[in-house]
Amino acid sequence: MTDNNTLGVAILQNPLASQDPRNIDPNPNGDEVRRNVVIKNGAHPSPGLPGADLFYDGSGNGNCFAQNKFGTSVPPSIEAIFPCH
């Protein structure tokens, strides 16, 4: 994954959940980002978002990152903070 303006790979809360809160869970749960090459993303981020190769907003439960090749992440040290077991 390369050359995306804002983010390469992201786990984030669903912004459309408020349109149908009974049927759309806003939180990502159990997502694993493993063994990807994610570089050179985030050079021209959208307003209000940081630019990064890997991004996680901290929402949901059981989400993790492991063995990815990347240059930047939000939060920094994303694989150490949210490791896959």
PDB file of N, CA and C in Angstrom:
ATOM      1  N   MET A   1       0.863  -1.143   0.000  1.00  0.00           N
ATOM      2  CA  MET A   1       0.000   0.000   0.000  1.00  0.00           C
ATOM      3  C   MET A   1       0.916   1.213   0.000  1.00  0.00           C
ATOM      4  N   THR A   2       0.860   2.008  -1.049  1.00  0.00           N
ATOM      5  CA  THR A   2       1.734   3.177  -1.143  1.00  0.00           C
ATOM      6  C   THR A   2       1.005   4.372  -1.737  1.00  0.00           C
ATOM      7  N   ASP A   3       1.537   5.539  -1.446  1.00  0.00           N
ATOM      8  CA  ASP A   3       1.159   6.798  -2.084  1.00  0.00           C
ATOM      9  C   ASP A   3      -0.299   7.234  -1.892  1.00  0.00           C
ATOM     10  N   ASN A   4      -0.914   6.873  -0.769  1.00  0.00           N
ATOM     11  CA  ASN A   4      -2.241   7.407  -0.451  1.00  0.00           C
ATOM     12  C   ASN A   4      -2.063   8.769   0.206  1.00  0.00           C
ATOM     13  N   ASN A   5      -2.929   9.694  -0.097  1.00  0.00           N
ATOM     14  CA  ASN A   5      -2.781  11.054   0.407  1.00  0.00           C
ATOM     15  C   ASN A   5      -2.837  11.151   1.926  1.00  0.00           C
ATOM     16  N   THR A   6      -3.743  10.422   2.553  1.00  0.00           N
ATOM     17  CA  THR A   6      -3.935  10.575   3.994  1.00  0.00           C
ATOM     18  C   THR A   6      -3.431   9.363   4.765  1.00  0.00           C
ATOM     19  N   LEU A   7      -4.017   8.204   4.572  1.00  0.00           N
ATOM     20  CA  LEU A   7      -3.680   7.019   5.346  1.00  0.00           C
ATOM     21  C   LEU A   7      -3.452   5.815   4.452  1.00  0.00           C
ATOM     22  N   GLY A   8      -2.560   4.935   4.894  1.00  0.00           N
ATOM     23  CA  GLY A   8      -2.348   3.680   4.189  1.00  0.00           C
ATOM     24  C   GLY A   8      -3.373   2.657   4.635  1.00  0.00           C
ATOM     25  N   VAL A   9      -3.247   2.184   5.874  1.00  0.00           N
ATOM     26  CA  VAL A   9      -4.192   1.243   6.468  1.00  0.00           C
ATOM     27  C   VAL A   9      -4.670   1.852   7.777  1.00  0.00           C
ATOM     28  N   ALA A  10      -5.990   1.862   7.985  1.00  0.00           N
ATOM     29  CA  ALA A  10      -6.546   2.497   9.175  1.00  0.00           C
ATOM     30  C   ALA A  10      -7.623   1.626   9.816  1.00  0.00           C
ATOM     31  N   ILE A  11      -7.639   1.643  11.129  1.00  0.00           N
ATOM     32  CA  ILE A  11      -8.749   1.089  11.902  1.00  0.00           C
ATOM     33  C   ILE A  11      -9.337   2.275  12.650  1.00  0.00           C
ATOM     34  N   LEU A  12     -10.605   2.564  12.370  1.00  0.00           N
ATOM     35  CA  LEU A  12     -11.230   3.706  13.021  1.00  0.00           C
ATOM     36  C   LEU A  12     -12.719   3.509  13.173  1.00  0.00           C
ATOM     37  N   GLN A  13     -13.294   4.310  14.036  1.00  0.00           N
ATOM     38  CA  GLN A  13     -14.732   4.246  14.309  1.00  0.00           C
ATOM     39  C   GLN A  13     -15.512   4.582  13.036  1.00  0.00           C
ATOM     40  N   ASN A  14     -16.627   3.892  12.825  1.00  0.00           N
ATOM     41  CA  ASN A  14     -17.453   4.091  11.643  1.00  0.00           C
ATOM     42  C   ASN A  14     -18.201   5.425  11.736  1.00  0.00           C
ATOM     43  N   PRO A  15     -17.896   6.372  10.845  1.00  0.00           N
ATOM     44  CA  PRO A  15     -18.563   7.673  10.907  1.00  0.00           C
ATOM     45  C   PRO A  15     -20.030   7.636  10.478  1.00  0.00           C
ATOM     46  N   LEU A  16     -20.474   6.551   9.874  1.00  0.00           N
ATOM     47  CA  LEU A  16     -21.859   6.448   9.411  1.00  0.00           C
ATOM     48  C   LEU A  16     -22.788   5.821  10.448  1.00  0.00           C
ATOM     49  N   ALA A  17     -22.244   5.399  11.579  1.00  0.00           N
ATOM     50  CA  ALA A  17     -23.058   4.701  12.582  1.00  0.00           C
ATOM     51  C   ALA A  17     -24.210   5.543  13.099  1.00  0.00           C
ATOM     52  N   SER A  18     -24.041   6.837  13.184  1.00  0.00           N
ATOM     53  CA  SER A  18     -25.112   7.694  13.708  1.00  0.00           C
ATOM     54  C   SER A  18     -26.339   7.723  12.797  1.00  0.00           C
ATOM     55  N   GLN A  19     -26.185   7.337  11.532  1.00  0.00           N
ATOM     56  CA  GLN A  19     -27.314   7.324  10.604  1.00  0.00           C
ATOM     57  C   GLN A  19     -28.278   6.177  10.890  1.00  0.00           C
ATOM     58  N   ASP A  20     -27.774   5.086  11.477  1.00  0.00           N
ATOM     59  CA  ASP A  20     -28.619   3.940  11.804  1.00  0.00           C
ATOM     60  C   ASP A  20     -28.035   3.229  13.031  1.00  0.00           C
ATOM     61  N   PRO A  21     -28.110   3.856  14.215  1.00  0.00           N
ATOM     62  CA  PRO A  21     -27.435   3.315  15.399  1.00  0.00           C
ATOM     63  C   PRO A  21     -27.924   1.942  15.859  1.00  0.00           C
ATOM     64  N   ARG A  22     -29.124   1.549  15.460  1.00  0.00           N
ATOM     65  CA  ARG A  22     -29.615   0.221  15.841  1.00  0.00           C
ATOM     66  C   ARG A  22     -28.935  -0.886  15.046  1.00  0.00           C
ATOM     67  N   ASN A  23     -28.542  -0.578  13.825  1.00  0.00           N
ATOM     68  CA  ASN A  23     -28.007  -1.615  12.943  1.00  0.00           C
ATOM     69  C   ASN A  23     -26.523  -1.477  12.609  1.00  0.00           C
ATOM     70  N   ILE A  24     -25.928  -0.332  12.930  1.00  0.00           N
ATOM     71  CA  ILE A  24     -24.516  -0.132  12.617  1.00  0.00           C
ATOM     72  C   ILE A  24     -23.739   0.063  13.906  1.00  0.00           C
ATOM     73  N   ASP A  25     -22.850  -0.870  14.193  1.00  0.00           N
ATOM     74  CA  ASP A  25     -21.975  -0.745  15.357  1.00  0.00           C
ATOM     75  C   ASP A  25     -20.860   0.234  14.986  1.00  0.00           C
ATOM     76  N   PRO A  26     -20.668   1.280  15.756  1.00  0.00           N
ATOM     77  CA  PRO A  26     -19.663   2.270  15.400  1.00  0.00           C
ATOM     78  C   PRO A  26     -18.225   1.795  15.612  1.00  0.00           C
ATOM     79  N   ASN A  27     -18.044   0.782  16.454  1.00  0.00           N
ATOM     80  CA  ASN A  27     -16.698   0.391  16.839  1.00  0.00           C
ATOM     81  C   ASN A  27     -16.154  -0.790  16.046  1.00  0.00           C
ATOM     82  N   PRO A  28     -14.898  -0.683  15.625  1.00  0.00           N
ATOM     83  CA  PRO A  28     -14.243  -1.826  14.997  1.00  0.00           C
ATOM     84  C   PRO A  28     -13.788  -2.791  16.088  1.00  0.00           C
ATOM     85  N   ASN A  29     -14.024  -4.063  15.904  1.00  0.00           N
ATOM     86  CA  ASN A  29     -13.633  -5.063  16.897  1.00  0.00           C
ATOM     87  C   ASN A  29     -12.971  -6.254  16.220  1.00  0.00           C
ATOM     88  N   GLY A  30     -11.853  -6.682  16.784  1.00  0.00           N
ATOM     89  CA  GLY A  30     -11.196  -7.895  16.312  1.00  0.00           C
ATOM     90  C   GLY A  30     -10.485  -7.778  14.985  1.00  0.00           C
ATOM     91  N   ASP A  31     -10.084  -6.585  14.608  1.00  0.00           N
ATOM     92  CA  ASP A  31      -9.369  -6.409  13.337  1.00  0.00           C
ATOM     93  C   ASP A  31      -7.871  -6.617  13.543  1.00  0.00           C
ATOM     94  N   GLU A  32      -7.249  -7.346  12.611  1.00  0.00           N
ATOM     95  CA  GLU A  32      -5.820  -7.600  12.666  1.00  0.00           C
ATOM     96  C   GLU A  32      -5.160  -7.064  11.400  1.00  0.00           C
ATOM     97  N   VAL A  33      -4.132  -6.258  11.574  1.00  0.00           N
ATOM     98  CA  VAL A  33      -3.353  -5.748  10.450  1.00  0.00           C
ATOM     99  C   VAL A  33      -1.986  -6.406  10.557  1.00  0.00           C
ATOM    100  N   ARG A  34      -1.728  -7.385   9.705  1.00  0.00           N
ATOM    101  CA  ARG A  34      -0.506  -8.186   9.782  1.00  0.00           C
ATOM    102  C   ARG A  34       0.165  -8.299   8.417  1.00  0.00           C
ATOM    103  N   ARG A  35       1.503  -8.262   8.471  1.00  0.00           N
ATOM    104  CA  ARG A  35       2.354  -8.595   7.326  1.00  0.00           C
ATOM    105  C   ARG A  35       2.039  -7.793   6.064  1.00  0.00           C
ATOM    106  N   ASN A  36       1.890  -6.502   6.222  1.00  0.00           N
ATOM    107  CA  ASN A  36       1.665  -5.621   5.083  1.00  0.00           C
ATOM    108  C   ASN A  36       2.884  -4.740   4.856  1.00  0.00           C
ATOM    109  N   VAL A  37       3.081  -4.323   3.635  1.00  0.00           N
ATOM    110  CA  VAL A  37       4.064  -3.293   3.318  1.00  0.00           C
ATOM    111  C   VAL A  37       3.263  -2.020   3.082  1.00  0.00           C
ATOM    112  N   VAL A  38       3.454  -1.048   3.967  1.00  0.00           N
ATOM    113  CA  VAL A  38       2.659   0.180   3.944  1.00  0.00           C
ATOM    114  C   VAL A  38       3.645   1.343   4.070  1.00  0.00           C
ATOM    115  N   ILE A  39       3.970   1.960   2.950  1.00  0.00           N
ATOM    116  CA  ILE A  39       4.984   3.020   2.960  1.00  0.00           C
ATOM    117  C   ILE A  39       4.570   4.197   2.078  1.00  0.00           C
ATOM    118  N   LYS A  40       5.148   5.339   2.373  1.00  0.00           N
ATOM    119  CA  LYS A  40       4.965   6.561   1.583  1.00  0.00           C
ATOM    120  C   LYS A  40       3.506   7.020   1.512  1.00  0.00           C
ATOM    121  N   ASN A  41       2.777   6.876   2.608  1.00  0.00           N
ATOM    122  CA  ASN A  41       1.395   7.357   2.690  1.00  0.00           C
ATOM    123  C   ASN A  41       1.346   8.607   3.566  1.00  0.00           C
ATOM    124  N   GLY A  42       0.343   9.431   3.368  1.00  0.00           N
ATOM    125  CA  GLY A  42       0.113  10.572   4.228  1.00  0.00           C
ATOM    126  C   GLY A  42       0.797  11.865   3.840  1.00  0.00           C
ATOM    127  N   ALA A  43       1.260  11.975   2.606  1.00  0.00           N
ATOM    128  CA  ALA A  43       1.964  13.191   2.180  1.00  0.00           C
ATOM    129  C   ALA A  43       1.036  14.403   2.061  1.00  0.00           C
ATOM    130  N   HIS A  44      -0.248  14.162   1.772  1.00  0.00           N
ATOM    131  CA  HIS A  44      -1.221  15.256   1.604  1.00  0.00           C
ATOM    132  C   HIS A  44      -2.514  14.899   2.338  1.00  0.00           C
ATOM    133  N   PRO A  45      -2.481  14.892   3.695  1.00  0.00           N
ATOM    134  CA  PRO A  45      -3.645  14.425   4.457  1.00  0.00           C
ATOM    135  C   PRO A  45      -4.877  15.310   4.320  1.00  0.00           C
ATOM    136  N   SER A  46      -6.028  14.667   4.472  1.00  0.00           N
ATOM    137  CA  SER A  46      -7.303  15.378   4.490  1.00  0.00           C
ATOM    138  C   SER A  46      -7.365  16.262   5.735  1.00  0.00           C
ATOM    139  N   PRO A  47      -8.086  17.371   5.658  1.00  0.00           N
ATOM    140  CA  PRO A  47      -8.205  18.246   6.833  1.00  0.00           C
ATOM    141  C   PRO A  47      -8.724  17.490   8.053  1.00  0.00           C
ATOM    142  N   GLY A  48      -8.083  17.711   9.177  1.00  0.00           N
ATOM    143  CA  GLY A  48      -8.504  17.085  10.415  1.00  0.00           C
ATOM    144  C   GLY A  48      -7.929  15.710  10.669  1.00  0.00           C
ATOM    145  N   LEU A  49      -7.196  15.165   9.720  1.00  0.00           N
ATOM    146  CA  LEU A  49      -6.580  13.851   9.905  1.00  0.00           C
ATOM    147  C   LEU A  49      -5.064  13.962   9.769  1.00  0.00           C
ATOM    148  N   PRO A  50      -4.346  13.151  10.550  1.00  0.00           N
ATOM    149  CA  PRO A  50      -2.900  13.121  10.356  1.00  0.00           C
ATOM    150  C   PRO A  50      -2.576  12.258   9.147  1.00  0.00           C
ATOM    151  N   GLY A  51      -1.444  12.426   8.584  1.00  0.00           N
ATOM    152  CA  GLY A  51      -0.990  11.536   7.526  1.00  0.00           C
ATOM    153  C   GLY A  51      -0.147  10.437   8.135  1.00  0.00           C
ATOM    154  N   ALA A  52      -0.385   9.179   7.740  1.00  0.00           N
ATOM    155  CA  ALA A  52       0.378   8.064   8.306  1.00  0.00           C
ATOM    156  C   ALA A  52       0.226   6.820   7.447  1.00  0.00           C
ATOM    157  N   ASP A  53       1.197   5.941   7.584  1.00  0.00           N
ATOM    158  CA  ASP A  53       1.094   4.638   6.931  1.00  0.00           C
ATOM    159  C   ASP A  53       0.083   3.760   7.661  1.00  0.00           C
ATOM    160  N   LEU A  54       0.212   3.667   8.981  1.00  0.00           N
ATOM    161  CA  LEU A  54      -0.725   2.903   9.809  1.00  0.00           C
ATOM    162  C   LEU A  54      -1.397   3.853  10.792  1.00  0.00           C
ATOM    163  N   PHE A  55      -2.699   3.689  10.974  1.00  0.00           N
ATOM    164  CA  PHE A  55      -3.465   4.575  11.856  1.00  0.00           C
ATOM    165  C   PHE A  55      -4.487   3.770  12.636  1.00  0.00           C
ATOM    166  N   TYR A  56      -4.605   4.104  13.936  1.00  0.00           N
ATOM    167  CA  TYR A  56      -5.659   3.513  14.772  1.00  0.00           C
ATOM    168  C   TYR A  56      -6.144   4.581  15.732  1.00  0.00           C
ATOM    169  N   ASP A  57      -7.462   4.797  15.752  1.00  0.00           N
ATOM    170  CA  ASP A  57      -8.027   5.834  16.622  1.00  0.00           C
ATOM    171  C   ASP A  57      -8.318   5.337  18.033  1.00  0.00           C
ATOM    172  N   GLY A  58      -8.065   4.064  18.313  1.00  0.00           N
ATOM    173  CA  GLY A  58      -8.254   3.519  19.656  1.00  0.00           C
ATOM    174  C   GLY A  58      -9.655   3.027  19.960  1.00  0.00           C
ATOM    175  N   SER A  59     -10.569   3.140  19.021  1.00  0.00           N
ATOM    176  CA  SER A  59     -11.941   2.685  19.257  1.00  0.00           C
ATOM    177  C   SER A  59     -12.038   1.164  19.117  1.00  0.00           C
ATOM    178  N   GLY A  60     -13.081   0.619  19.702  1.00  0.00           N
ATOM    179  CA  GLY A  60     -13.311  -0.812  19.599  1.00  0.00           C
ATOM    180  C   GLY A  60     -12.411  -1.620  20.512  1.00  0.00           C
ATOM    181  N   ASN A  61     -12.457  -2.937  20.329  1.00  0.00           N
ATOM    182  CA  ASN A  61     -11.692  -3.862  21.167  1.00  0.00           C
ATOM    183  C   ASN A  61     -11.043  -4.945  20.328  1.00  0.00           C
ATOM    184  N   GLY A  62      -9.891  -5.421  20.805  1.00  0.00           N
ATOM    185  CA  GLY A  62      -9.242  -6.561  20.180  1.00  0.00           C
ATOM    186  C   GLY A  62      -8.614  -6.281  18.834  1.00  0.00           C
ATOM    187  N   ASN A  63      -8.299  -5.050  18.532  1.00  0.00           N
ATOM    188  CA  ASN A  63      -7.646  -4.704  17.267  1.00  0.00           C
ATOM    189  C   ASN A  63      -6.141  -4.724  17.476  1.00  0.00           C
ATOM    190  N   CYS A  64      -5.391  -5.169  16.447  1.00  0.00           N
ATOM    191  CA  CYS A  64      -3.950  -5.286  16.635  1.00  0.00           C
ATOM    192  C   CYS A  64      -3.170  -5.103  15.336  1.00  0.00           C
ATOM    193  N   PHE A  65      -1.871  -4.884  15.497  1.00  0.00           N
ATOM    194  CA  PHE A  65      -0.939  -4.667  14.387  1.00  0.00           C
ATOM    195  C   PHE A  65       0.312  -5.507  14.638  1.00  0.00           C
ATOM    196  N   ALA A  66       0.816  -6.208  13.605  1.00  0.00           N
ATOM    197  CA  ALA A  66       2.012  -7.030  13.783  1.00  0.00           C
ATOM    198  C   ALA A  66       2.732  -7.273  12.457  1.00  0.00           C
ATOM    199  N   GLN A  67       4.044  -7.263  12.507  1.00  0.00           N
ATOM    200  CA  GLN A  67       4.929  -7.643  11.404  1.00  0.00           C
ATOM    201  C   GLN A  67       4.683  -6.863  10.120  1.00  0.00           C
ATOM    202  N   ASN A  68       4.297  -5.613  10.247  1.00  0.00           N
ATOM    203  CA  ASN A  68       4.116  -4.761   9.078  1.00  0.00           C
ATOM    204  C   ASN A  68       5.413  -4.016   8.793  1.00  0.00           C
ATOM    205  N   LYS A  69       5.648  -3.702   7.543  1.00  0.00           N
ATOM    206  CA  LYS A  69       6.751  -2.833   7.155  1.00  0.00           C
ATOM    207  C   LYS A  69       6.140  -1.479   6.847  1.00  0.00           C
ATOM    208  N   PHE A  70       6.493  -0.466   7.661  1.00  0.00           N
ATOM    209  CA  PHE A  70       5.876   0.842   7.518  1.00  0.00           C
ATOM    210  C   PHE A  70       6.854   1.911   7.983  1.00  0.00           C
ATOM    211  N   GLY A  71       6.596   3.143   7.590  1.00  0.00           N
ATOM    212  CA  GLY A  71       7.440   4.250   7.997  1.00  0.00           C
ATOM    213  C   GLY A  71       6.864   5.058   9.141  1.00  0.00           C
ATOM    214  N   THR A  72       5.556   5.333   9.088  1.00  0.00           N
ATOM    215  CA  THR A  72       4.925   6.181  10.096  1.00  0.00           C
ATOM    216  C   THR A  72       3.665   5.524  10.635  1.00  0.00           C
ATOM    217  N   SER A  73       3.338   5.882  11.890  1.00  0.00           N
ATOM    218  CA  SER A  73       2.097   5.367  12.476  1.00  0.00           C
ATOM    219  C   SER A  73       1.546   6.367  13.480  1.00  0.00           C
ATOM    220  N   VAL A  74       0.242   6.331  13.614  1.00  0.00           N
ATOM    221  CA  VAL A  74      -0.474   7.089  14.641  1.00  0.00           C
ATOM    222  C   VAL A  74      -1.339   6.080  15.373  1.00  0.00           C
ATOM    223  N   PRO A  75      -1.073   5.847  16.662  1.00  0.00           N
ATOM    224  CA  PRO A  75      -0.027   6.439  17.468  1.00  0.00           C
ATOM    225  C   PRO A  75       1.343   5.893  17.091  1.00  0.00           C
ATOM    226  N   PRO A  76       2.399   6.633  17.483  1.00  0.00           N
ATOM    227  CA  PRO A  76       3.747   6.112  17.244  1.00  0.00           C
ATOM    228  C   PRO A  76       3.914   4.764  17.963  1.00  0.00           C
ATOM    229  N   SER A  77       4.743   3.900  17.430  1.00  0.00           N
ATOM    230  CA  SER A  77       4.982   2.562  18.010  1.00  0.00           C
ATOM    231  C   SER A  77       3.701   1.744  18.082  1.00  0.00           C
ATOM    232  N   ILE A  78       2.883   1.831  17.042  1.00  0.00           N
ATOM    233  CA  ILE A  78       1.560   1.195  17.018  1.00  0.00           C
ATOM    234  C   ILE A  78       1.623  -0.312  17.276  1.00  0.00           C
ATOM    235  N   GLU A  79       2.658  -0.982  16.740  1.00  0.00           N
ATOM    236  CA  GLU A  79       2.747  -2.433  16.926  1.00  0.00           C
ATOM    237  C   GLU A  79       3.103  -2.809  18.360  1.00  0.00           C
ATOM    238  N   ALA A  80       3.829  -1.958  19.057  1.00  0.00           N
ATOM    239  CA  ALA A  80       4.164  -2.217  20.463  1.00  0.00           C
ATOM    240  C   ALA A  80       2.962  -1.931  21.370  1.00  0.00           C
ATOM    241  N   ILE A  81       2.189  -0.923  21.035  1.00  0.00           N
ATOM    242  CA  ILE A  81       1.036  -0.550  21.857  1.00  0.00           C
ATOM    243  C   ILE A  81      -0.138  -1.497  21.653  1.00  0.00           C
ATOM    244  N   PHE A  82      -0.354  -1.918  20.397  1.00  0.00           N
ATOM    245  CA  PHE A  82      -1.480  -2.804  20.052  1.00  0.00           C
ATOM    246  C   PHE A  82      -0.965  -4.059  19.338  1.00  0.00           C
ATOM    247  N   PRO A  83      -0.227  -4.929  20.063  1.00  0.00           N
ATOM    248  CA  PRO A  83       0.344  -6.104  19.422  1.00  0.00           C
ATOM    249  C   PRO A  83      -0.685  -7.208  19.196  1.00  0.00           C
ATOM    250  N   CYS A  84      -0.452  -8.020  18.195  1.00  0.00           N
ATOM    251  CA  CYS A  84      -1.270  -9.216  17.969  1.00  0.00           C
ATOM    252  C   CYS A  84      -0.645 -10.372  18.754  1.00  0.00           C
ATOM    253  N   HIS A  85      -1.487 -11.167  19.366  1.00  0.00           N
ATOM    254  CA  HIS A  85      -0.983 -12.295  20.156  1.00  0.00           C
ATOM    255  C   HIS A  85      -1.283 -13.589  19.470  1.00  0.00           C
TER     256      HIS A  85
END
